Amino acid sequence: ATENIDEVVVVGMGTQRKVSVAGAITTMDPAQLEVPATNIVNTLAGRVAGVIGVQSSGEPGKNISEFWVRGIGTFGANSGALVLIDGLEGSLSQIDAADVESFSVLKDAAASSIYGSRAPGGVILITTKKGKSGKPSINYNNNFRFNSPLNMPHMADSYSFALAINDQLTNGGQSPMYSEKKLQQILDYQHGKSTQYMWATDAGRWNAFDDPNRQDVMPTANTDWLHELFGDSFTQEHSISVNGGTDVMQYYMSANYLDEGGLLKYGDDGRQRYSFTGKINADLAKWLKVGYSVRFNRIDYSSPSFASAGENKENVFYFDVCRYWPVIPVVDPNGFYTAESKIYQLTEGGRYNTQNDVVAQQLQFLIEPIKNWKTTIELNYRSNYNFSHTDYQTVYAYDVNKNPYAIANTTSGVTEYAYKSNFFNPNIFTEYSLELENGHNMKAMVGFQSELFKQRDITAKQNNIMSGIPTLNTTTDNARASGGYQEWATAGFFGRINYDYKGRYLVEANLRYDGSSRFLRDQRWNWFPSFSLGWNVA
C-alpha cells in the first residue's frame, strides 16, 4: 500500500518515508503509464532512470520489451527484474495501466536484497488501486490507434540488386550472374516497356529463382518484399472501473479489453486481451483490516502457423523475408501467387492459436494491536492455464497450365499442447517503528516468505488431416504424445532495520536467509546481507 507518493515510498515488504530511504529506489507517477501502448513494459524505457528496455519484435504478443534494471547482470536465466504486483509475482504485460496506484523500482542490492536469490536483477513493485469510501465512482477510458512498422528499410530495386550480385561475383573471380540481355529485360520491366517478367521451365512450371545456366527463364520482377508482406494495423483498447464503499468497507472493480491487430498483409494475425480486477477491503476491528483481491487475465493469440514459432520455436519466416530477392514476382502470369512468395503458406498453410489464462488471488490481514506495531499476513495463489493448437495444412502452388502441386506440408498434421501451473506464496512479516522527539527515528521488521510452484504439460500430435478439419480426432496417422511434471519450492527468513536522524543521516541494513529446492541439500541455503548509508544534503 502507499499513501501520498511524494511522502511515502513502497519498498520491499512495506513502505517507508521517502526522506528516510537510503537504498536506490525510484518511483514513477502512474499517470505516465497511461499512454497508448500495448503494455506497461513498452512505456518504461526513457521514463525510469536505470531501466533499459529493448523491443525486438512487432508481432502481437511478442512486441513486449525486454527490460533490465541497471543493465544485464547475468547471461543465464532470470536476468530480468522480479515483478511483484501487490506482493505477488506477475507480469507487467498482464496488468492494465489504469489499475496502477504506485510504481517503484528497487535498483541496487541494498534495496532488493530483502527478496534474496529471487531478485538479482532488481525488483519492480506495483500496488494496484483499491476502493475509496463514498458514492460509487465510474471511470471509462478508450483509445484507438493505428500501428505501422517502424524504421522498416526499403529493399534495393531489382536492377541495383542484379548489378550488386554481378559485382560480388566478379570481385570473387567468378562470372557475372546477369547477362547484359537479362539486365536490359529488368530495366524494360521497371520502365513499363515490357510486361513479361516470368518464363516457363521445361517442366511446365514458372521459374522464380535465378539460374545462371538458364538465362532465358530467369525472372525480372521488381518486388520490395518487406513492404509487400507487412503493412499497417488497427488496435483498440477499452477500460472501465468502479469504486466506492463506506468507512468500514470499500470495493474496486475494473475490466479491460485490448484488441491488437498484426502487421501481416497475408494471413491474419492478432491478439486479444481480456482482464478483470476485483478488490474488497474491510475494517473488521480497530486493530484488524482484511483485504481480498482477484485478477483474471486472458490472452488469445492467432497467426498463420507458417509465421509463428509455435511448437517449432525457431520459425524462419521473418528471417527469410529479408533474404528474398527482389526479382522474385508476387504473382505469376496466370494470377496465382508464386510458390516462392510464401503467401500461400501464410494464407492456407494452417493456423497457430493459443489461449493463456492467469488467475491471481490474494487474501491479506493487517493486524495492529498497538500503535506502530503492524503485522501483515498475505496468502497469494496464482493459477496459469495455457492451451495451444497448431495445424499444418498442405499448401499448393500452380504451374503454367494452372494445375496444383504441393509446395509445403506435404504431410498435414495437428499438434495440441496443454499447460497448467499453480503457485502458492505466503508472506508474513511484522514491523515496529519508533519516532523520538529528539529526532531519532527507528524501524525494525522481520518476516518469513515461501513459494511452492507446480506445473504439468502434455503434447499430442497426429498426421494426415481428413477433409481439412484440423483436430486430433480427424487425423489418422503417426500419433505421438509427451508430457511431464515439474515442482520447486523456496523459503526465506528476512529482516530489516532502518534508522535516521531528523531525516538527514540514514542507515539501513537488510538480512535474508534463503533456501531453494533447486540446489543440493548441503548447498540449499545461503545468506544475503546488505546495508546502505545516506546523507540527505537537502
Protein backbone atom coordinates (compact mmCIF):
# COMPACT_ATOMS: atom_id res chain seq x y z
CA ALA A 1 0.00 0.00 0.00
CA THR A 2 1.04 3.59 -0.37
CA GLU A 3 -0.06 6.93 0.90
CA ASN A 4 0.88 10.12 -0.89
CA ILE A 5 3.65 9.01 -3.21
CA ASP A 6 5.54 12.26 -2.57
CA GLU A 7 5.88 11.34 1.13
CA VAL A 8 5.79 7.55 1.26
CA VAL A 9 7.62 5.09 -0.98
CA VAL A 10 6.73 1.46 -1.49
CA VAL A 11 9.78 -0.63 -0.62
CA GLY A 12 10.40 -4.32 -0.20
CA MET A 13 7.90 -5.69 2.32
CA GLY A 14 6.28 -2.42 3.33
CA THR A 15 6.58 1.34 2.99
CA GLN A 16 8.98 4.00 4.16
CA ARG A 17 9.04 7.74 4.36
CA LYS A 18 10.68 8.97 1.18
CA VAL A 19 13.09 11.17 3.07
CA SER A 20 14.39 8.17 5.05
CA VAL A 21 15.11 5.86 2.11
CA ALA A 22 18.83 5.10 1.79
CA GLY A 23 18.72 2.50 -0.99
CA ALA A 24 18.48 3.25 -4.69
CA ILE A 25 14.70 3.35 -5.20
CA THR A 26 12.95 5.20 -8.00
CA THR A 27 9.25 5.93 -8.07
CA MET A 28 7.17 6.75 -11.11
CA ASP A 29 3.95 8.69 -11.41
CA PRO A 30 1.34 6.11 -12.53
CA ALA A 31 -0.19 8.73 -14.83
CA GLN A 32 2.92 8.40 -17.03
CA LEU A 33 1.98 4.77 -17.67
CA GLU A 34 -1.45 5.62 -19.06
CA VAL A 35 -0.32 6.23 -22.63
CA PRO A 36 -1.46 4.40 -25.79
CA ALA A 37 0.70 1.27 -25.64
CA THR A 38 0.03 -2.46 -25.82
CA ASN A 39 1.50 -2.96 -22.34
CA ILE A 40 3.21 -1.15 -19.48
CA VAL A 41 6.63 -2.56 -20.33
CA ASN A 42 6.91 -0.58 -23.54
CA THR A 43 6.39 2.70 -21.65
CA LEU A 44 9.23 2.23 -19.15
CA ALA A 45 12.26 2.90 -21.35
CA GLY A 46 13.27 6.53 -21.10
CA ARG A 47 10.89 7.23 -18.22
CA VAL A 48 12.66 5.48 -15.35
CA ALA A 49 16.35 6.17 -14.79
CA GLY A 50 18.42 3.00 -14.85
CA VAL A 51 15.78 0.88 -16.62
CA ILE A 52 16.82 -0.35 -20.07
CA GLY A 53 14.12 -1.56 -22.46
CA VAL A 54 14.52 -3.25 -25.83
CA GLN A 55 11.62 -4.16 -28.13
CA SER A 56 12.81 -6.66 -30.72
CA SER A 57 9.54 -7.61 -32.43
CA GLY A 58 6.37 -6.02 -33.75
CA GLU A 59 4.42 -9.28 -33.76
CA PRO A 60 1.35 -9.18 -31.47
CA GLY A 61 2.14 -10.89 -28.21
CA LYS A 62 5.87 -10.68 -28.86
CA ASN A 63 6.07 -6.90 -29.07
CA ILE A 64 6.79 -6.72 -25.35
CA SER A 65 10.05 -5.04 -24.49
CA GLU A 66 12.69 -6.91 -22.58
CA PHE A 67 13.88 -4.74 -19.72
CA TRP A 68 16.70 -4.75 -17.23
CA VAL A 69 17.45 -2.67 -14.17
CA ARG A 70 20.94 -1.18 -14.40
CA GLY A 71 21.94 -3.48 -17.22
CA ILE A 72 22.25 -7.25 -17.58
CA GLY A 73 23.80 -8.83 -14.50
CA THR A 74 23.97 -12.36 -15.92
CA PHE A 75 23.52 -14.10 -19.24
CA GLY A 76 21.72 -17.03 -17.67
CA ALA A 77 18.07 -17.39 -16.70
CA ASN A 78 16.22 -14.77 -14.65
CA SER A 79 18.46 -11.88 -15.65
CA GLY A 80 15.47 -9.53 -15.64
CA ALA A 81 13.85 -7.79 -12.71
CA LEU A 82 11.48 -9.50 -10.31
CA VAL A 83 7.99 -8.02 -10.80
CA LEU A 84 5.66 -8.04 -7.81
CA ILE A 85 2.04 -6.92 -8.17
CA ASP A 86 0.51 -6.37 -4.74
CA GLY A 87 3.24 -8.63 -3.37
CA LEU A 88 2.61 -11.48 -5.82
CA GLU A 89 4.98 -12.26 -8.68
CA GLY A 90 3.39 -11.35 -12.01
CA SER A 91 3.95 -9.94 -15.47
CA LEU A 92 3.80 -6.29 -16.48
CA SER A 93 2.16 -7.29 -19.75
CA GLN A 94 -0.86 -8.65 -17.88
CA ILE A 95 -1.86 -5.54 -15.98
CA ASP A 96 -3.87 -2.52 -17.08
CA ALA A 97 -2.06 0.79 -16.54
CA ALA A 98 -5.32 2.34 -15.29
CA ASP A 99 -5.23 -0.04 -12.27
CA VAL A 100 -1.79 1.07 -11.04
CA GLU A 101 -1.70 3.06 -7.80
CA SER A 102 2.07 3.19 -7.25
CA PHE A 103 5.17 2.09 -9.12
CA SER A 104 8.61 1.63 -7.51
CA VAL A 105 11.89 0.25 -8.86
CA LEU A 106 14.42 -1.21 -6.41
CA LYS A 107 17.70 -0.84 -8.22
CA ASP A 108 20.63 -1.76 -6.01
CA ALA A 109 21.42 -4.69 -3.75
CA ALA A 110 20.74 -2.65 -0.63
CA ALA A 111 17.15 -2.12 -1.72
CA SER A 112 16.39 -5.50 -3.32
CA SER A 113 18.31 -7.96 -1.13
CA ILE A 114 15.26 -8.32 1.11
CA TYR A 115 13.99 -10.64 -1.64
CA GLY A 116 17.18 -12.71 -1.63
CA SER A 117 18.04 -15.01 -4.51
CA ARG A 118 14.84 -14.15 -6.40
CA ALA A 119 15.95 -10.61 -7.14
CA PRO A 120 19.49 -10.46 -8.56
CA GLY A 121 18.25 -8.20 -11.37
CA GLY A 122 16.37 -5.68 -9.24
CA VAL A 123 12.71 -5.50 -8.27
CA ILE A 124 9.68 -3.68 -9.65
CA LEU A 125 6.91 -3.16 -7.10
CA ILE A 126 3.40 -2.33 -8.25
CA THR A 127 0.49 -1.56 -5.97
CA THR A 128 -2.91 -1.57 -7.63
CA LYS A 129 -5.76 0.75 -6.78
CA LYS A 130 -8.31 -0.03 -4.11
CA GLY A 131 -11.72 1.32 -3.28
CA LYS A 132 -12.42 4.62 -1.55
CA SER A 133 -15.32 5.39 0.74
CA GLY A 134 -18.12 7.40 -0.80
CA LYS A 135 -20.64 7.14 -3.60
CA PRO A 136 -19.84 4.82 -6.49
CA SER A 137 -17.43 6.39 -8.97
CA ILE A 138 -17.34 5.08 -12.54
CA ASN A 139 -14.50 5.77 -14.94
CA TYR A 140 -14.26 4.78 -18.61
CA ASN A 141 -11.33 5.23 -20.99
CA ASN A 142 -10.64 4.14 -24.53
CA ASN A 143 -8.07 4.68 -27.22
CA PHE A 144 -7.85 3.77 -30.87
CA ARG A 145 -4.58 3.67 -32.71
CA PHE A 146 -3.01 2.68 -35.99
CA ASN A 147 0.25 0.77 -35.95
CA SER A 148 2.90 0.85 -38.64
CA PRO A 149 6.23 -0.95 -38.95
CA LEU A 150 8.92 1.31 -37.53
CA ASN A 151 12.12 2.04 -39.44
CA MET A 152 11.39 -0.69 -41.97
CA PRO A 153 14.03 -0.45 -44.71
CA HIS A 154 13.31 -0.34 -48.42
CA MET A 155 14.87 -3.20 -50.33
CA ALA A 156 17.06 -2.48 -53.33
CA ASP A 157 15.29 -2.44 -56.68
CA SER A 158 15.87 -5.45 -58.94
CA TYR A 159 18.31 -3.67 -61.30
CA SER A 160 20.52 -2.37 -58.47
CA PHE A 161 20.35 -5.79 -56.86
CA ALA A 162 21.42 -7.54 -60.07
CA LEU A 163 24.38 -5.17 -60.50
CA ALA A 164 25.43 -5.78 -56.89
CA ILE A 165 25.29 -9.57 -57.40
CA ASN A 166 27.41 -9.25 -60.54
CA ASP A 167 29.96 -7.08 -58.73
CA GLN A 168 30.13 -9.56 -55.86
CA LEU A 169 30.78 -12.48 -58.20
CA THR A 170 33.26 -10.55 -60.33
CA ASN A 171 35.23 -9.44 -57.26
CA GLY A 172 35.39 -13.09 -56.22
CA GLY A 173 36.84 -14.14 -59.54
CA GLN A 174 33.59 -15.66 -60.87
CA SER A 175 31.46 -14.93 -63.90
CA PRO A 176 28.58 -12.44 -63.54
CA MET A 177 25.14 -13.99 -62.97
CA TYR A 178 23.15 -11.49 -65.01
CA SER A 179 23.93 -11.07 -68.70
CA GLU A 180 23.55 -7.74 -70.45
CA LYS A 181 20.37 -9.06 -72.09
CA LYS A 182 18.88 -10.00 -68.74
CA LEU A 183 19.82 -6.65 -67.22
CA GLN A 184 18.06 -4.92 -70.08
CA GLN A 185 14.97 -7.08 -69.54
CA ILE A 186 14.94 -6.00 -65.89
CA LEU A 187 15.14 -2.34 -66.91
CA ASP A 188 12.45 -2.75 -69.54
CA TYR A 189 10.06 -4.22 -66.99
CA GLN A 190 10.81 -1.50 -64.46
CA HIS A 191 10.16 1.25 -67.04
CA GLY A 192 7.00 -0.36 -68.40
CA LYS A 193 8.48 -1.21 -71.79
CA SER A 194 7.81 -4.91 -71.25
CA THR A 195 5.10 -6.78 -69.37
CA GLN A 196 6.85 -10.12 -69.27
CA TYR A 197 8.63 -10.94 -66.01
CA MET A 198 8.43 -14.77 -65.78
CA TRP A 199 9.24 -17.63 -68.12
CA ALA A 200 8.23 -21.29 -68.05
CA THR A 201 10.70 -24.08 -67.43
CA ASP A 202 10.87 -27.30 -69.40
CA ALA A 203 8.89 -28.95 -66.58
CA GLY A 204 5.96 -26.63 -67.20
CA ARG A 205 6.37 -24.53 -64.06
CA TRP A 206 7.09 -20.84 -63.70
CA ASN A 207 10.67 -20.15 -62.78
CA ALA A 208 11.00 -17.68 -59.90
CA PHE A 209 14.64 -18.18 -58.97
CA ASP A 210 17.81 -17.21 -60.75
CA ASP A 211 19.53 -19.89 -62.78
CA PRO A 212 22.68 -18.50 -64.46
CA ASN A 213 22.75 -21.55 -66.70
CA ARG A 214 19.26 -20.75 -67.94
CA GLN A 215 19.33 -17.03 -68.65
CA ASP A 216 16.19 -17.38 -70.75
CA VAL A 217 13.94 -18.24 -67.77
CA MET A 218 15.41 -16.00 -65.04
CA PRO A 219 12.64 -13.71 -63.63
CA THR A 220 12.81 -9.91 -63.94
CA ALA A 221 10.21 -8.67 -61.40
CA ASN A 222 10.79 -5.76 -59.03
CA THR A 223 9.42 -6.54 -55.56
CA ASP A 224 10.05 -4.82 -52.25
CA TRP A 225 9.24 -7.83 -50.10
CA LEU A 226 9.19 -6.09 -46.72
CA HIS A 227 6.55 -3.64 -47.90
CA GLU A 228 4.72 -6.34 -49.81
CA LEU A 229 4.26 -8.65 -46.82
CA PHE A 230 3.89 -6.13 -43.97
CA GLY A 231 1.54 -3.18 -43.55
CA ASP A 232 -0.47 -1.16 -41.07
CA SER A 233 -2.84 -2.48 -38.41
CA PHE A 234 -5.53 -1.19 -36.07
CA THR A 235 -5.66 -1.52 -32.28
CA GLN A 236 -8.36 -0.56 -29.83
CA GLU A 237 -8.46 -0.63 -26.03
CA HIS A 238 -11.29 -0.05 -23.56
CA SER A 239 -11.11 0.22 -19.76
CA ILE A 240 -13.85 0.71 -17.18
CA SER A 241 -13.65 0.83 -13.40
CA VAL A 242 -15.99 1.42 -10.48
CA ASN A 243 -15.15 2.02 -6.83
CA GLY A 244 -16.86 3.17 -3.69
CA GLY A 245 -17.91 1.99 -0.25
CA THR A 246 -18.34 3.06 3.34
CA ASP A 247 -15.92 3.90 6.12
CA VAL A 248 -15.92 0.23 7.07
CA MET A 249 -15.83 -1.47 3.66
CA GLN A 250 -14.58 -0.36 0.22
CA TYR A 251 -14.60 -2.02 -3.18
CA TYR A 252 -12.84 -1.57 -6.52
CA MET A 253 -13.60 -3.37 -9.79
CA SER A 254 -12.18 -2.85 -13.25
CA ALA A 255 -12.26 -4.50 -16.66
CA ASN A 256 -10.08 -4.03 -19.72
CA TYR A 257 -10.29 -5.18 -23.34
CA LEU A 258 -7.42 -4.88 -25.83
CA ASP A 259 -7.75 -5.88 -29.50
CA GLU A 260 -4.37 -5.68 -31.24
CA GLY A 261 -4.06 -6.26 -34.95
CA GLY A 262 -0.94 -7.69 -36.54
CA LEU A 263 1.21 -6.32 -39.33
CA LEU A 264 0.93 -9.21 -41.78
CA LYS A 265 -0.82 -8.34 -45.05
CA TYR A 266 -1.44 -12.01 -45.85
CA GLY A 267 -2.81 -14.34 -43.21
CA ASP A 268 -4.42 -12.62 -40.24
CA ASP A 269 -2.51 -12.31 -37.00
CA GLY A 270 -3.69 -10.61 -33.86
CA ARG A 271 -4.04 -10.68 -30.11
CA GLN A 272 -6.92 -10.02 -27.75
CA ARG A 273 -6.54 -9.43 -24.02
CA TYR A 274 -9.39 -9.59 -21.51
CA SER A 275 -8.71 -8.66 -17.89
CA PHE A 276 -10.74 -8.18 -14.74
CA THR A 277 -9.71 -6.95 -11.30
CA GLY A 278 -11.79 -7.03 -8.11
CA LYS A 279 -10.80 -5.77 -4.68
CA ILE A 280 -12.60 -5.50 -1.37
CA ASN A 281 -11.20 -4.08 1.86
CA ALA A 282 -12.87 -4.14 5.26
CA ASP A 283 -12.07 -2.88 8.75
CA LEU A 284 -13.27 -5.76 10.95
CA ALA A 285 -11.96 -4.09 14.09
CA LYS A 286 -9.83 -1.15 15.09
CA TRP A 287 -6.85 -3.46 15.10
CA LEU A 288 -7.73 -5.71 12.16
CA LYS A 289 -8.11 -4.98 8.45
CA VAL A 290 -8.86 -7.62 5.82
CA GLY A 291 -8.50 -7.39 2.07
CA TYR A 292 -9.25 -9.77 -0.78
CA SER A 293 -8.35 -9.26 -4.43
CA VAL A 294 -8.65 -11.30 -7.61
CA ARG A 295 -7.16 -10.63 -11.03
CA PHE A 296 -8.14 -12.52 -14.15
CA ASN A 297 -6.25 -12.15 -17.40
CA ARG A 298 -6.90 -13.94 -20.69
CA ILE A 299 -4.82 -13.56 -23.84
CA ASP A 300 -5.93 -15.04 -27.16
CA TYR A 301 -3.39 -15.06 -29.97
CA SER A 302 -3.76 -16.29 -33.54
CA SER A 303 -1.46 -16.28 -36.54
CA PRO A 304 -0.52 -18.41 -39.56
CA SER A 305 1.37 -21.46 -38.35
CA PHE A 306 3.98 -20.70 -41.01
CA ALA A 307 4.70 -17.31 -39.41
CA SER A 308 4.59 -18.38 -35.79
CA ALA A 309 7.18 -20.29 -33.82
CA GLY A 310 4.51 -22.47 -32.27
CA GLU A 311 5.94 -25.88 -31.44
CA ASN A 312 8.93 -25.31 -33.75
CA LYS A 313 10.23 -22.50 -31.52
CA GLU A 314 12.54 -21.28 -34.28
CA ASN A 315 10.47 -20.22 -37.27
CA VAL A 316 12.50 -18.79 -40.15
CA PHE A 317 9.79 -16.82 -41.96
CA TYR A 318 10.80 -13.44 -40.54
CA PHE A 319 14.45 -14.27 -41.07
CA ASP A 320 13.90 -15.27 -44.69
CA VAL A 321 11.85 -12.20 -45.63
CA CYS A 322 14.95 -10.02 -45.61
CA ARG A 323 16.71 -12.57 -47.83
CA TYR A 324 14.09 -12.63 -50.60
CA TRP A 325 15.47 -11.43 -53.94
CA PRO A 326 13.58 -8.51 -55.50
CA VAL A 327 13.48 -10.25 -58.91
CA ILE A 328 11.07 -12.85 -57.47
CA PRO A 329 7.49 -11.97 -58.51
CA VAL A 330 4.49 -11.87 -56.17
CA VAL A 331 2.09 -13.44 -58.71
CA ASP A 332 2.66 -15.46 -61.85
CA PRO A 333 1.27 -14.51 -65.29
CA ASN A 334 -1.85 -16.60 -64.57
CA GLY A 335 -2.66 -14.54 -61.46
CA PHE A 336 -1.68 -17.12 -58.85
CA TYR A 337 0.77 -16.32 -56.06
CA THR A 338 4.20 -17.72 -56.76
CA ALA A 339 5.42 -20.59 -54.61
CA GLU A 340 8.50 -18.59 -53.64
CA SER A 341 6.43 -15.66 -52.32
CA LYS A 342 5.34 -17.86 -49.37
CA ILE A 343 1.93 -16.15 -49.47
CA TYR A 344 0.02 -19.42 -49.88
CA GLN A 345 1.95 -20.76 -46.89
CA LEU A 346 0.64 -17.81 -44.88
CA THR A 347 -2.96 -17.92 -46.06
CA GLU A 348 -3.55 -21.65 -46.49
CA GLY A 349 -0.80 -23.41 -44.53
CA GLY A 350 -2.68 -23.70 -41.25
CA ARG A 351 -3.16 -21.74 -38.04
CA TYR A 352 -1.48 -21.35 -34.69
CA ASN A 353 -3.95 -20.45 -31.90
CA THR A 354 -3.15 -20.12 -28.23
CA GLN A 355 -5.13 -19.09 -25.16
CA ASN A 356 -3.50 -18.24 -21.85
CA ASP A 357 -5.47 -17.65 -18.64
CA VAL A 358 -3.99 -16.33 -15.40
CA VAL A 359 -5.99 -16.10 -12.17
CA ALA A 360 -4.25 -14.43 -9.22
CA GLN A 361 -5.84 -14.20 -5.77
CA GLN A 362 -4.70 -12.62 -2.54
CA LEU A 363 -6.07 -12.66 0.98
CA GLN A 364 -4.43 -10.11 3.28
CA PHE A 365 -4.70 -9.45 7.00
CA LEU A 366 -3.25 -6.28 8.57
CA ILE A 367 -3.03 -6.51 12.35
CA GLU A 368 -2.10 -3.54 14.57
CA PRO A 369 -2.70 -4.49 18.24
CA ILE A 370 -0.80 -1.45 19.48
CA LYS A 371 0.21 1.76 17.77
CA ASN A 372 3.17 1.45 15.37
CA TRP A 373 3.32 -2.35 15.62
CA LYS A 374 1.92 -3.82 12.41
CA THR A 375 1.79 -7.42 11.27
CA THR A 376 0.94 -8.32 7.67
CA ILE A 377 -0.19 -11.75 6.55
CA GLU A 378 -0.55 -12.34 2.81
CA LEU A 379 -1.74 -15.55 1.21
CA ASN A 380 -1.16 -15.43 -2.55
CA TYR A 381 -2.30 -18.02 -5.06
CA ARG A 382 -1.87 -17.94 -8.84
CA SER A 383 -3.08 -20.40 -11.48
CA ASN A 384 -1.95 -20.41 -15.09
CA TYR A 385 -3.66 -22.33 -17.88
CA ASN A 386 -2.43 -22.46 -21.46
CA PHE A 387 -3.85 -24.28 -24.47
CA SER A 388 -2.22 -24.11 -27.89
CA HIS A 389 -3.32 -25.53 -31.21
CA THR A 390 -1.20 -25.79 -34.35
CA ASP A 391 -2.27 -27.27 -37.64
CA TYR A 392 -0.25 -27.68 -40.81
CA GLN A 393 -2.31 -27.83 -43.99
CA THR A 394 -0.88 -28.98 -47.31
CA VAL A 395 -0.13 -25.95 -49.48
CA TYR A 396 -0.34 -25.89 -53.29
CA ALA A 397 1.04 -23.63 -56.00
CA TYR A 398 0.07 -23.71 -59.70
CA ASP A 399 2.04 -24.49 -62.83
CA VAL A 400 1.85 -22.91 -66.26
CA ASN A 401 -1.30 -24.91 -67.06
CA LYS A 402 -2.93 -23.93 -63.74
CA ASN A 403 -2.52 -27.40 -62.27
CA PRO A 404 -1.82 -27.51 -58.49
CA TYR A 405 1.28 -29.10 -56.99
CA ALA A 406 2.29 -29.37 -53.33
CA ILE A 407 4.92 -26.92 -52.09
CA ALA A 408 4.71 -27.20 -48.27
CA ASN A 409 3.38 -29.53 -45.56
CA THR A 410 3.01 -32.47 -47.91
CA THR A 411 2.08 -34.40 -44.75
CA SER A 412 -0.55 -32.38 -42.88
CA GLY A 413 -0.85 -32.62 -39.12
CA VAL A 414 -2.21 -31.27 -35.85
CA THR A 415 -0.45 -30.52 -32.57
CA GLU A 416 -2.26 -29.79 -29.30
CA TYR A 417 -0.47 -28.51 -26.20
CA ALA A 418 -1.86 -28.02 -22.69
CA TYR A 419 -0.11 -26.49 -19.68
CA LYS A 420 -1.16 -25.83 -16.12
CA SER A 421 0.71 -24.36 -13.17
CA ASN A 422 -0.15 -23.43 -9.58
CA PHE A 423 1.85 -21.05 -7.42
CA PHE A 424 1.31 -20.58 -3.67
CA ASN A 425 3.13 -17.79 -1.85
CA PRO A 426 2.53 -16.89 1.81
CA ASN A 427 4.22 -13.74 3.15
CA ILE A 428 4.24 -12.95 6.86
CA PHE A 429 6.12 -10.01 8.33
CA THR A 430 5.85 -7.75 11.33
CA GLU A 431 7.32 -4.30 11.87
CA TYR A 432 7.64 -1.77 14.65
CA SER A 433 8.51 1.90 14.24
CA LEU A 434 9.62 4.37 16.87
CA GLU A 435 9.86 8.14 16.47
CA LEU A 436 11.51 10.07 19.28
CA GLU A 437 11.07 13.79 19.93
CA ASN A 438 14.83 14.40 19.72
CA GLY A 439 14.82 13.46 16.01
CA HIS A 440 15.87 9.81 16.23
CA ASN A 441 13.66 7.51 14.15
CA MET A 442 13.92 3.73 14.06
CA LYS A 443 12.06 0.93 12.34
CA ALA A 444 12.57 -2.83 12.54
CA MET A 445 10.97 -5.61 10.54
CA VAL A 446 11.24 -9.41 10.47
CA GLY A 447 9.35 -11.89 8.38
CA PHE A 448 9.03 -15.18 6.55
CA GLN A 449 8.23 -15.95 2.91
CA SER A 450 7.86 -19.18 0.98
CA GLU A 451 6.94 -20.26 -2.53
CA LEU A 452 5.60 -23.52 -3.93
CA PHE A 453 5.32 -23.96 -7.69
CA LYS A 454 3.87 -26.96 -9.52
CA GLN A 455 3.32 -27.42 -13.22
CA ARG A 456 2.42 -30.08 -15.74
CA ASP A 457 2.13 -30.16 -19.52
CA ILE A 458 1.08 -32.56 -22.24
CA THR A 459 1.58 -32.53 -26.01
CA ALA A 460 -0.29 -34.65 -28.56
CA LYS A 461 0.39 -34.90 -32.31
CA GLN A 462 -1.06 -36.76 -35.25
CA ASN A 463 -0.67 -36.55 -39.03
CA ASN A 464 -2.90 -36.56 -42.11
CA ILE A 465 -5.86 -34.25 -41.60
CA MET A 466 -9.11 -35.59 -43.06
CA SER A 467 -11.38 -33.26 -45.04
CA GLY A 468 -9.42 -30.20 -43.93
CA ILE A 469 -10.82 -30.33 -40.37
CA PRO A 470 -7.84 -29.76 -38.05
CA THR A 471 -8.46 -31.78 -34.88
CA LEU A 472 -6.77 -34.79 -33.34
CA ASN A 473 -9.94 -36.81 -33.91
CA THR A 474 -9.85 -36.03 -37.63
CA THR A 475 -6.25 -37.11 -38.20
CA THR A 476 -5.23 -40.66 -38.91
CA ASP A 477 -1.51 -41.46 -38.73
CA ASN A 478 1.58 -41.40 -36.51
CA ALA A 479 0.05 -40.50 -33.14
CA ARG A 480 2.57 -39.21 -30.57
CA ALA A 481 2.22 -37.92 -27.03
CA SER A 482 4.58 -36.48 -24.45
CA GLY A 483 4.34 -34.62 -21.15
CA GLY A 484 5.88 -34.03 -17.79
CA TYR A 485 5.72 -32.56 -14.29
CA GLN A 486 7.85 -30.01 -12.50
CA GLU A 487 7.91 -28.71 -8.96
CA TRP A 488 10.10 -26.37 -6.94
CA ALA A 489 9.94 -24.51 -3.64
CA THR A 490 11.75 -21.71 -1.84
CA ALA A 491 11.71 -20.39 1.72
CA GLY A 492 13.26 -17.31 3.25
CA PHE A 493 13.62 -15.55 6.58
CA PHE A 494 14.35 -11.85 6.40
CA GLY A 495 14.77 -8.74 8.46
CA ARG A 496 15.46 -5.04 8.08
CA ILE A 497 16.50 -2.20 10.38
CA ASN A 498 16.14 1.48 9.45
CA TYR A 499 17.47 4.45 11.35
CA ASP A 500 17.55 8.13 10.56
CA TYR A 501 18.29 11.28 12.48
CA LYS A 502 15.95 14.12 11.54
CA GLY A 503 15.77 12.71 8.03
CA ARG A 504 19.38 13.75 7.35
CA TYR A 505 21.58 10.82 8.35
CA LEU A 506 20.29 7.47 7.12
CA VAL A 507 21.21 3.86 7.87
CA GLU A 508 19.55 0.72 6.51
CA ALA A 509 20.55 -2.90 6.96
CA ASN A 510 18.91 -5.98 5.42
CA LEU A 511 19.49 -9.66 6.01
CA ARG A 512 17.86 -12.65 4.35
CA TYR A 513 18.41 -16.36 4.77
CA ASP A 514 17.19 -18.12 1.63
CA GLY A 515 16.71 -21.73 0.69
CA SER A 516 15.78 -23.30 -2.64
CA SER A 517 14.83 -26.85 -3.61
CA ARG A 518 16.70 -26.41 -6.89
CA PHE A 519 20.04 -26.95 -5.16
CA LEU A 520 21.59 -29.91 -3.38
CA ARG A 521 20.67 -30.22 0.28
CA ASP A 522 24.07 -29.16 1.57
CA GLN A 523 24.11 -26.16 -0.76
CA ARG A 524 20.47 -25.16 -0.49
CA TRP A 525 20.67 -22.25 1.97
CA ASN A 526 22.60 -19.01 1.87
CA TRP A 527 22.77 -15.56 3.46
CA PHE A 528 22.01 -12.34 1.56
CA PRO A 529 23.08 -9.33 3.61
CA SER A 530 23.16 -5.67 2.58
CA PHE A 531 23.46 -2.25 4.11
CA SER A 532 23.39 1.34 2.95
CA LEU A 533 24.35 4.69 4.39
CA GLY A 534 22.92 8.02 3.32
CA TRP A 535 23.28 11.71 3.96
CA ASN A 536 20.46 13.96 2.88
CA VAL A 537 22.17 17.19 1.89
CA ALA A 538 18.90 18.97 1.07
